[in-house]
Protein backbone atom coordinates (compact mmCIF):
# COMPACT_ATOMS: atom_id res chain seq x y z
CA MET A 1 -19.83 -16.55 -24.81
CA ARG A 2 -16.54 -16.18 -23.40
CA ALA A 3 -15.85 -14.37 -26.69
CA ALA A 4 -18.31 -11.82 -26.38
CA ILE A 5 -17.65 -11.22 -22.73
CA LEU A 6 -13.97 -10.33 -22.50
CA PRO A 7 -14.42 -7.25 -25.50
CA MET A 8 -17.52 -6.40 -23.52
CA LEU A 9 -15.14 -6.11 -20.45
CA VAL A 10 -11.97 -4.37 -22.52
CA ARG A 11 -14.49 -1.85 -23.95
CA SER A 12 -15.87 -1.15 -20.25
CA ASP A 13 -12.05 -0.43 -19.06
CA VAL A 14 -11.49 1.92 -21.78
CA ARG A 15 -14.10 3.74 -21.03
CA ARG A 16 -12.65 4.03 -17.39
CA PRO A 17 -10.54 7.24 -16.12
CA ALA A 18 -8.76 5.20 -13.72
CA SER A 19 -7.66 2.84 -16.25
CA TRP A 20 -5.80 5.58 -18.28
CA LEU A 21 -4.54 7.11 -14.93
CA ALA A 22 -3.05 3.66 -14.02
CA CYS A 23 -1.39 3.80 -17.26
CA GLY A 24 -0.21 7.46 -17.11
CA ILE A 25 1.17 7.57 -13.77
CA ALA A 26 3.01 4.36 -14.28
CA ALA A 27 4.78 5.92 -17.13
CA ALA A 28 5.29 9.32 -15.28
CA ALA A 29 7.22 7.35 -12.36
CA VAL A 30 9.32 5.38 -14.56
CA ALA A 31 10.49 8.43 -16.39
CA ALA A 32 10.70 10.51 -13.39
CA LEU A 33 12.67 7.66 -11.31
CA ALA A 34 15.02 7.15 -14.35
CA ALA A 35 15.71 10.97 -14.83
CA THR A 36 17.30 10.76 -11.22
CA ALA A 37 20.59 9.45 -10.12
CA GLY A 38 19.23 5.94 -10.22
CA GLY A 39 20.85 3.42 -7.93
CA VAL A 40 18.87 0.73 -5.28
CA GLU A 41 16.87 3.70 -3.85
CA ALA A 42 15.10 4.09 -7.28
CA VAL A 43 14.70 0.90 -7.88
CA ALA A 44 13.02 0.34 -4.63
CA ALA A 45 11.05 3.35 -5.36
CA ALA A 46 9.72 1.88 -8.67
CA ILE A 47 8.54 -0.99 -7.30
CA ALA A 48 6.33 0.91 -4.93
CA CYS A 49 5.17 3.05 -7.50
CA GLY A 50 4.50 0.18 -9.56
CA GLY A 51 2.02 -1.05 -6.94
CA TRP A 52 0.13 2.07 -6.73
CA ALA A 53 -0.07 2.44 -10.33
CA ALA A 54 -1.64 -1.08 -10.20
CA ALA A 55 -3.95 -0.04 -7.27
CA ALA A 56 -4.97 2.95 -9.58
CA VAL A 57 -6.64 0.69 -11.96
CA GLY A 58 -9.31 0.05 -9.37
CA SER A 59 -11.21 -2.75 -7.68
CA PRO A 60 -9.45 -5.97 -7.87
CA PRO A 61 -10.95 -8.05 -10.73
CA ARG A 62 -13.22 -10.29 -8.67
CA GLY A 63 -14.40 -13.07 -11.08
CA PRO A 64 -18.18 -12.68 -11.42
CA PHE A 65 -18.20 -15.67 -14.00
CA PRO A 66 -18.69 -18.74 -11.84
CA GLY A 67 -16.79 -21.85 -13.85
CA MET A 68 -14.82 -19.60 -16.01
CA ALA A 69 -11.37 -19.51 -14.70
CA ARG A 70 -9.66 -18.74 -18.15
CA LEU A 71 -12.16 -15.55 -18.47
CA ASP A 72 -11.11 -14.48 -15.02
CA VAL A 73 -7.40 -14.94 -15.84
CA ALA A 74 -7.87 -12.81 -19.08
CA TRP A 75 -9.76 -10.22 -17.25
CA TRP A 76 -6.92 -9.74 -14.82
CA ALA A 77 -4.58 -9.60 -17.89
CA ALA A 78 -6.40 -6.70 -19.53
CA ARG A 79 -6.36 -4.95 -16.12
CA ALA A 80 -2.76 -5.52 -15.58
CA ALA A 81 -1.97 -4.11 -19.25
CA TRP A 82 -2.79 -0.86 -18.31
CA PRO A 83 -0.07 -0.22 -15.55
CA LEU A 84 2.00 -2.54 -17.31
CA GLY A 85 1.88 -0.86 -20.60
CA GLY A 86 2.53 2.59 -19.49
CA CYS A 87 5.63 1.06 -17.57
CA LEU A 88 7.18 -0.52 -21.09
CA VAL A 89 6.46 2.82 -23.07
CA ALA A 90 8.37 4.51 -20.43
CA MET A 91 11.14 2.26 -20.22
CA ALA A 92 11.26 2.17 -24.00
CA GLY A 93 11.39 6.00 -23.98
CA ARG A 94 14.22 6.17 -21.82
CA TRP A 95 16.48 3.70 -23.31
CA PHE A 96 15.78 5.34 -26.69
CA ALA A 97 16.48 8.88 -25.17
CA ALA A 98 19.31 8.20 -22.59
CA GLY A 99 20.16 4.51 -22.62
CA ASP A 100 18.96 4.24 -18.67
CA GLY A 101 15.58 3.48 -17.31
CA VAL A 102 15.77 -0.33 -17.74
CA ALA A 103 16.16 -1.58 -14.23
CA VAL A 104 13.41 1.40 -13.23
CA GLY A 105 11.08 -0.17 -15.54
CA ILE A 106 11.42 -3.77 -14.37
CA GLY A 107 11.08 -2.64 -10.96
CA CYS A 108 7.87 -0.84 -11.64
CA GLY A 109 6.25 -3.62 -13.68
CA LEU A 110 7.36 -6.24 -10.80
CA GLY A 111 5.42 -3.92 -8.48
CA SER A 112 2.66 -3.67 -10.97
CA ALA A 113 2.53 -7.48 -11.61
CA LEU A 114 2.62 -8.73 -7.90
CA THR A 115 -0.03 -6.06 -6.59
CA LEU A 116 -2.34 -7.70 -8.95
CA ALA A 117 -1.87 -10.87 -8.39
CA VAL A 118 -2.19 -10.83 -4.77
CA ALA A 119 -5.15 -8.29 -5.06
CA ALA A 120 -6.99 -10.60 -7.54
CA LYS A 121 -6.03 -13.59 -5.44
CA ALA A 122 -7.50 -12.22 -2.30
CA ALA A 123 -10.57 -11.09 -4.18
CA ALA A 124 -11.20 -14.44 -5.44
CA GLY A 125 -11.02 -15.47 -1.73
CA ASN A 126 -14.17 -13.41 -0.42
CA ALA A 127 -11.68 -10.41 0.71
CA ALA A 128 -13.46 -7.19 0.11
CA PRO A 129 -11.80 -4.80 -2.33
CA ALA A 130 -10.51 -2.38 -0.22
CA ASP A 131 -8.51 -5.55 1.96
CA ALA A 132 -7.57 -7.14 -1.13
CA THR A 133 -6.12 -3.66 -2.53
CA SER A 134 -4.21 -3.13 1.06
CA LEU A 135 -2.95 -6.53 1.13
CA GLY A 136 -1.57 -6.32 -2.67
CA LEU A 137 -0.17 -2.71 -1.75
CA VAL A 138 1.86 -4.23 1.29
CA CYS A 139 3.22 -7.00 -0.55
CA ALA A 140 4.68 -4.34 -3.34
CA ALA A 141 6.10 -2.22 0.02
CA ALA A 142 7.60 -5.41 1.28
CA ALA A 143 9.16 -6.43 -2.17
CA ALA A 144 10.54 -2.79 -2.25
CA ALA A 145 11.88 -2.94 1.31
CA ALA A 146 13.56 -6.40 0.14
CA GLY A 147 15.21 -4.32 -2.91
CA MET A 148 16.36 -1.88 -0.77
CA GLY A 149 18.76 -4.52 0.86
CA GLY A 150 20.77 -5.09 -2.36
CA ARG A 151 24.17 -3.55 -2.52
CA SER A 152 23.88 -3.14 -6.46
CA VAL A 153 20.81 -2.67 -8.87
CA PRO A 154 20.90 -6.51 -10.00
CA GLU A 155 21.16 -7.62 -6.46
CA SER A 156 18.33 -5.14 -5.50
CA LEU A 157 15.99 -6.55 -8.43
CA VAL A 158 17.05 -10.18 -7.49
CA CYS A 159 16.03 -9.59 -3.66
CA ALA A 160 13.00 -7.86 -4.93
CA VAL A 161 11.95 -10.94 -7.28
CA ALA A 162 12.85 -13.22 -4.44
CA ALA A 163 10.40 -11.65 -2.06
CA ALA A 164 7.84 -11.22 -4.59
CA ILE A 165 7.60 -15.05 -5.35
CA VAL A 166 7.75 -15.82 -1.46
CA MET A 167 4.70 -13.42 -1.12
CA THR A 168 2.83 -14.63 -3.90
CA ALA A 169 3.11 -18.37 -3.11
CA ALA A 170 1.95 -17.50 0.80
CA THR A 171 -0.84 -15.32 -0.65
CA TRP A 172 -1.61 -18.77 -2.61
CA ALA A 173 -1.25 -21.10 0.48
CA ALA A 174 -3.19 -18.83 2.59
CA TRP A 175 -5.79 -18.98 0.21
CA ARG A 176 -5.74 -22.84 -0.06
CA TRP A 177 -5.71 -23.22 3.87
CA GLY A 178 -8.46 -20.71 4.30
CA ARG A 179 -10.55 -22.56 1.59
CA GLY A 180 -9.97 -25.72 3.67
CA TRP A 181 -10.84 -24.42 6.85
CA ALA A 182 -14.12 -22.40 5.40
CA GLY A 183 -14.98 -25.94 3.91
CA SER A 184 -14.47 -28.05 7.02
CA ALA A 185 -16.32 -25.65 9.35
CA GLU A 186 -19.76 -26.55 10.40
CA GLY A 187 -22.53 -24.67 8.45
CA ARG A 188 -20.32 -22.81 6.41
CA PRO A 189 -20.19 -22.92 2.58
CA ARG A 190 -17.17 -24.41 0.84
CA ALA A 191 -15.63 -21.25 -0.36
CA ALA A 192 -12.02 -19.58 -0.17
CA SER A 193 -11.86 -17.24 2.69
CA PHE A 194 -9.53 -14.47 3.06
CA ALA A 195 -12.22 -12.50 4.53
CA ASP A 196 -12.53 -14.67 7.54
CA LEU A 197 -8.91 -15.71 7.83
CA ALA A 198 -8.91 -18.81 10.44
CA MET A 199 -5.57 -17.75 12.00
CA PHE A 200 -7.02 -14.32 13.21
CA ARG A 201 -10.83 -14.77 12.97
CA GLY A 202 -10.97 -10.88 12.88
CA GLY A 203 -10.39 -10.77 8.90
CA LEU A 204 -7.92 -9.97 6.53
CA ARG A 205 -8.03 -6.10 7.40
CA TRP A 206 -7.69 -6.87 11.66
CA ALA A 207 -4.49 -9.17 10.31
CA LEU A 208 -3.14 -6.13 8.44
CA SER A 209 -3.82 -3.61 11.02
CA ALA A 210 -2.18 -5.64 13.88
CA THR A 211 1.06 -6.31 11.63
CA ALA A 212 1.31 -2.44 11.20
CA MET A 213 1.14 -1.83 14.85
CA ALA A 214 3.39 -4.79 15.59
CA THR A 215 5.48 -2.75 13.28
CA SER A 216 5.05 0.58 14.62
CA LEU A 217 5.79 -0.85 18.39
CA ALA A 218 9.22 -2.59 17.25
CA GLY A 219 10.08 0.46 15.30
CA MET A 220 9.91 2.79 18.43
CA ALA A 221 12.41 0.45 19.89
CA VAL A 222 14.52 0.16 17.47
CA TRP A 223 14.56 3.22 15.14
CA TYR A 224 13.65 5.84 17.87
CA PHE A 225 16.33 4.37 20.77
CA LEU A 226 18.24 1.61 19.78
CA ALA A 227 19.50 2.83 16.33
CA PRO A 228 18.78 6.70 16.01
CA ALA A 229 21.01 7.25 13.10
CA ALA A 230 18.15 5.13 11.17
CA ALA A 231 15.35 7.10 12.55
CA ALA A 232 13.96 8.11 9.02
CA ALA A 233 12.92 4.68 8.51
CA GLY A 234 10.29 5.35 10.95
CA MET A 235 8.97 7.69 9.16
CA LEU A 236 9.00 5.87 5.84
CA ALA A 237 7.41 2.87 7.68
CA ALA A 238 4.61 4.63 9.14
CA LEU A 239 3.40 6.60 6.43
CA GLY A 240 4.09 3.47 4.27
CA TRP A 241 1.43 1.59 6.29
CA PHE A 242 -0.99 4.70 6.49
CA THR A 243 -1.22 5.01 3.00
CA THR A 244 -1.24 0.92 1.97
CA LEU A 245 -4.06 0.41 4.33
CA ALA A 246 -5.86 4.13 5.02
CA VAL A 247 -6.00 5.21 1.51
CA PRO A 248 -7.90 2.12 0.02
CA ALA A 249 -10.09 1.43 3.33
CA ALA A 250 -11.12 5.17 2.85
CA VAL A 251 -11.98 5.47 -0.65
CA LEU A 252 -13.02 1.95 -1.67
CA GLY A 253 -15.55 1.56 1.52
CA PRO A 254 -15.84 -0.88 4.63
CA PRO A 255 -15.77 -4.53 4.39
CA GLY A 256 -19.21 -6.49 5.04
CA ARG A 257 -18.18 -8.26 8.37
CA GLY A 258 -16.59 -7.58 11.68
CA ALA A 259 -15.35 -4.48 13.67
CA TRP A 260 -14.74 -2.48 10.18
CA ALA A 261 -18.64 -3.15 9.37
CA ARG A 262 -19.63 -2.06 12.71
CA LEU A 263 -17.47 1.19 12.13
CA ALA A 264 -19.06 1.70 9.01
CA ALA A 265 -22.76 1.52 10.44
CA THR A 266 -21.70 3.67 13.18
CA ALA A 267 -20.07 6.31 10.27
CA ALA A 268 -23.20 5.74 8.12
CA GLY A 269 -25.97 5.39 10.20
CA ALA A 270 -28.26 2.09 10.75
CA ASP A 271 -30.25 2.97 8.06
CA ALA A 272 -27.61 4.10 5.61
CA ALA A 273 -25.58 0.87 6.24
CA ARG A 274 -28.40 -1.59 5.73
CA ARG A 275 -28.72 0.05 2.14
CA SER A 276 -25.44 1.29 0.99
CA VAL A 277 -23.00 4.11 1.96
CA GLY A 278 -23.83 7.25 0.10
CA PRO A 279 -21.63 9.88 -0.70
CA LEU A 280 -22.08 11.86 2.35
CA ASP A 281 -21.73 8.79 4.66
CA ALA A 282 -18.54 7.68 2.67
CA ARG A 283 -17.13 11.14 3.98
CA ARG A 284 -18.03 10.46 7.45
CA TRP A 285 -16.35 6.79 6.68
CA ALA A 286 -13.24 8.17 5.30
CA ALA A 287 -12.97 10.72 8.34
CA ALA A 288 -13.21 7.91 10.67
CA VAL A 289 -10.17 5.51 8.90
CA ALA A 290 -7.92 8.47 8.62
CA CYS A 291 -8.26 9.38 12.09
CA GLY A 292 -7.94 5.75 13.27
CA TYR A 293 -5.41 4.76 11.41
CA ALA A 294 -3.38 8.03 11.81
CA ALA A 295 -3.72 7.46 15.79
CA MET A 296 -2.85 3.76 15.27
CA LEU A 297 0.44 4.99 13.88
CA GLY A 298 0.90 7.94 15.60
CA TRP A 299 1.18 7.17 19.41
CA PRO A 300 4.35 5.18 19.23
CA PRO A 301 6.76 7.84 17.58
CA LEU A 302 4.67 10.27 20.07
CA VAL A 303 5.81 8.42 22.76
CA ALA A 304 9.02 8.27 21.60
CA GLY A 305 9.19 11.70 21.11
CA LEU A 306 8.06 12.59 24.64
CA LEU A 307 10.87 10.22 25.78
CA HIS A 308 13.48 12.15 23.97
CA THR A 309 12.26 15.71 24.71
CA ALA A 310 12.55 14.40 28.27
CA GLU A 311 16.32 13.48 28.11
CA ALA A 312 19.35 15.31 28.56
CA GLY A 313 21.10 16.62 25.62
CA PHE A 314 18.30 16.27 22.76
CA ASP A 315 19.64 16.42 19.31
CA PRO A 316 17.35 17.36 16.69
CA LEU A 317 19.38 16.07 13.88
CA ALA A 318 19.38 12.64 15.27
CA ALA A 319 16.24 10.49 16.33
CA GLY A 320 14.50 13.09 18.43
CA PHE A 321 13.68 15.10 15.46
CA TRP A 322 11.88 12.22 13.75
CA PRO A 323 9.08 11.11 15.89
CA TRP A 324 7.59 14.58 15.97
CA LEU A 325 8.10 14.83 12.14
CA THR A 326 6.38 11.41 11.83
CA VAL A 327 3.44 12.57 13.72
CA ALA A 328 3.12 15.77 11.96
CA ALA A 329 3.26 13.83 8.81
CA LEU A 330 0.48 11.36 9.94
CA VAL A 331 -1.89 13.99 10.83
CA VAL A 332 -1.27 16.10 7.39
CA MET A 333 -1.98 12.90 5.26
CA ALA A 334 -5.20 11.78 7.57
CA ALA A 335 -6.53 15.33 6.84
CA PHE A 336 -5.14 15.55 3.25
CA LEU A 337 -7.17 12.35 2.59
CA VAL A 338 -10.41 13.44 4.52
CA VAL A 339 -10.01 16.43 2.09
CA LEU A 340 -9.45 14.52 -1.11
CA VAL A 341 -12.52 11.95 -0.64
CA ARG A 342 -14.85 14.82 0.38
CA CYS A 343 -14.01 16.96 -3.00
CA ALA A 344 -13.90 13.53 -5.06
CA ALA A 345 -17.79 13.48 -3.81
CA ALA A 346 -18.54 16.87 -4.54
CA VAL A 347 -17.68 16.52 -8.18
CA GLY A 348 -19.40 13.29 -8.43
CA TRP A 349 -15.77 10.96 -8.89
CA ASN A 350 -16.73 7.49 -8.17
CA ALA A 351 -14.39 5.08 -5.82
CA GLU A 352 -12.13 4.07 -8.53
CA THR A 353 -11.37 7.45 -10.21
CA THR A 354 -10.63 8.64 -6.28
CA LEU A 355 -8.67 6.03 -5.82
CA ALA A 356 -6.48 6.57 -8.78
CA ALA A 357 -6.26 10.04 -8.02
CA ALA A 358 -4.88 9.11 -4.56
CA ALA A 359 -2.14 6.86 -5.84
CA CYS A 360 -1.27 9.73 -8.29
CA LEU A 361 -0.62 11.83 -5.30
CA ALA A 362 1.03 9.06 -3.33
CA ILE A 363 3.46 8.31 -6.33
CA ILE A 364 4.30 11.78 -6.46
CA ALA A 365 5.34 12.24 -2.99
CA LEU A 366 7.19 9.02 -3.16
CA VAL A 367 9.34 10.30 -6.16
CA VAL A 368 9.74 13.69 -4.65
CA ALA A 369 10.24 12.82 -0.94
CA LEU A 370 12.59 9.70 -1.31
CA PRO A 371 15.90 11.46 -2.63
CA LEU A 372 15.49 14.14 -0.04
CA LEU A 373 15.11 11.68 3.00
CA CYS A 374 17.73 9.99 1.57
CA GLY A 375 20.07 12.83 1.29
CA LEU A 376 19.13 14.15 4.97
CA PRO A 377 21.93 14.21 7.78
CA LYS A 378 20.96 11.12 10.22
CA GLY A 379 23.48 12.63 12.89
CA PRO A 380 26.51 10.87 14.37
CA VAL A 381 26.56 7.21 15.02
CA GLU A 382 26.84 6.69 18.61
CA THR A 383 29.76 4.99 20.25
CA ARG A 384 29.13 1.68 22.17
CA VAL A 385 29.98 3.66 25.73
CA GLU A 386 27.76 6.39 24.69
CA LYS A 387 24.95 4.19 24.22
CA MET A 388 25.51 2.56 27.44
CA ALA A 389 25.70 5.72 29.06
CA ARG A 390 22.73 7.03 27.58
CA TRP A 391 20.76 3.63 28.96
CA GLU A 392 21.93 4.31 32.47
CA ARG A 393 20.38 7.71 32.59
């Protein structure tokens, strides 16, 4: 039976446009990043691009075959072969053509493997597809941020691999802990429970959103006031959180419980929510998710921008320029996400194809914008006396 099911799953994946898009955008990302000047930034961007290529494959492979753990692993490997195959083809092509691309290809493959592994484990723990995909993308983004801490390409890869190992182990530990909590609770079935994360009780989506909000608040103090020379990092963090959280939630649909389910019921209507979220309801849901995350991540930089505007000696090249640019970018991305979902519904794309298209656009934006952001002037570094004088005002 297992020998018959796996070829059927592979044939199904071959007929999915999302699979081919995942392979193509992984190869394009490796080729484009290898053609740049390279360095630590290119490796970190490759890790993030690999995460998006893995997300483009579609919903995480959640085992529909009870008692067939090996078949679930084989299905996960078949899904992972699409982005990893694209990485290998592009890496080999760049190596034979120009003698480079190995570090970028390894980074892209690391991001893909990490995203798929974490998302698959979360999906096996009863997490909704959108929540599992967001968790995998957040882990890939964290590995990319760890890679930025390296002073050379090998050191960057070592830092990223170490971060990936830590996050994979943490995901496994959370899965085991959630399983024990779910089994010990009275009246609850014994099942892994990423959907009911015991520490937060609001679900995995709530935990990710709370982490994003805490990061935004900390960034408002650090990036926009204490270290204005690094204010561009605030914009990258806000846009990274928005794409990793809002895009899967808007495209793959709402989870089945908690406050997000109530939001889906409000957006879809009570009768439609009891049945399923149809195309028209999916548009409302996408608008609610996009606007909600843009507002949540946009108000800290908005407050920082207002405070900087009120200060004397406003410097548009320092932190005072970046909060407004962050708010504008969030508004544009929220509008673009809503338009993308509406266009996809109009042409009849399914959710996985729409997510693959969104992943393609995210990789293009990352490849194009990262070198520009790294090359922008950050303004003069404040001396200690100047910083003390500014705080006294």
